[in-house]
Amino acid sequence: MSDKLFKPGQKAPKSGQYEITGPRGGGTGVERTVTRNEPLPPPEQKGQRYRLVDPTQHRRKP
C-alpha cells in the first residue's frame, strides 16, 4: 500500500484499486479501479484524494 496521495484528474501512475481518502488523509473504504495513465475520477466530496491500495499484478508471457 502506498502513502502517496493523488489528486482527482491526475493521471494514475499504475493500474489498480485506488481508495478515496478524506481531506485529512483517512480512508473512506470506497475504492475505484483505474487504468495506468487514465485520469482519476472526481471524488464524492470536495478535498478528497486517492491512494493506491492494490496495484494490478501483470504476468509476462515467456
Protein backbone atom coordinates (compact mmCIF):
# COMPACT_ATOMS: atom_id res chain seq x y z
CA MET A 1 0.00 0.00 0.00
CA SER A 2 1.28 3.45 -0.92
CA ASP A 3 1.30 6.51 1.33
CA LYS A 4 1.37 8.91 -1.62
CA LEU A 5 -1.88 10.74 -2.36
CA PHE A 6 -3.05 11.65 -5.85
CA LYS A 7 -5.37 14.46 -6.89
CA PRO A 8 -8.57 13.90 -8.90
CA GLY A 9 -7.88 14.39 -12.62
CA GLN A 10 -4.22 13.43 -12.21
CA LYS A 11 -3.10 10.52 -14.40
CA ALA A 12 -2.80 7.25 -12.49
CA PRO A 13 0.86 6.13 -12.30
CA LYS A 14 -0.14 2.43 -12.08
CA SER A 15 -3.23 0.33 -12.77
CA GLY A 16 -5.10 -0.86 -9.71
CA GLN A 17 -7.55 -0.10 -6.92
CA TYR A 18 -7.41 3.46 -5.58
CA GLU A 19 -9.07 4.26 -2.25
CA ILE A 20 -10.72 7.65 -1.80
CA THR A 21 -9.28 9.39 1.26
CA GLY A 22 -10.78 12.19 3.32
CA PRO A 23 -9.37 15.73 3.44
CA ARG A 24 -7.03 14.75 6.32
CA GLY A 25 -5.87 11.51 4.68
CA GLY A 26 -8.09 8.99 6.45
CA GLY A 27 -9.53 6.13 4.41
CA THR A 28 -13.20 6.12 3.43
CA GLY A 29 -13.42 2.45 2.40
CA VAL A 30 -14.53 3.45 -1.11
CA GLU A 31 -12.32 2.26 -3.96
CA ARG A 32 -12.17 2.92 -7.70
CA THR A 33 -10.45 0.81 -10.34
CA VAL A 34 -8.23 2.96 -12.56
CA THR A 35 -6.02 2.00 -15.50
CA ARG A 36 -2.49 3.40 -15.81
CA ASN A 37 -2.30 6.83 -17.49
CA GLU A 38 -6.07 7.37 -17.17
CA PRO A 39 -7.25 10.38 -15.11
CA LEU A 40 -8.50 9.69 -11.60
CA PRO A 41 -12.27 10.32 -11.44
CA PRO A 42 -13.92 13.14 -9.48
CA PRO A 43 -14.36 12.22 -5.79
CA GLU A 44 -17.62 12.17 -3.87
CA GLN A 45 -16.77 15.27 -1.81
CA LYS A 46 -14.51 18.29 -2.09
CA GLY A 47 -10.99 17.85 -0.70
CA GLN A 48 -10.83 14.08 -1.16
CA ARG A 49 -7.84 12.42 -2.83
CA TYR A 50 -6.76 8.95 -3.90
CA ARG A 51 -4.29 6.38 -2.51
CA LEU A 52 -3.16 3.28 -4.43
CA VAL A 53 -4.08 0.32 -2.22
CA ASP A 54 -3.96 -2.69 -4.58
CA PRO A 55 -1.80 -2.44 -7.71
CA THR A 56 -2.67 -4.76 -10.60
CA GLN A 57 -0.31 -7.71 -10.97
CA HIS A 58 0.81 -8.30 -14.54
CA ARG A 59 2.38 -11.56 -15.65
CA ARG A 60 4.68 -11.58 -18.65
CA LYS A 61 4.36 -14.45 -21.08
CA PRO A 62 7.64 -16.34 -21.70
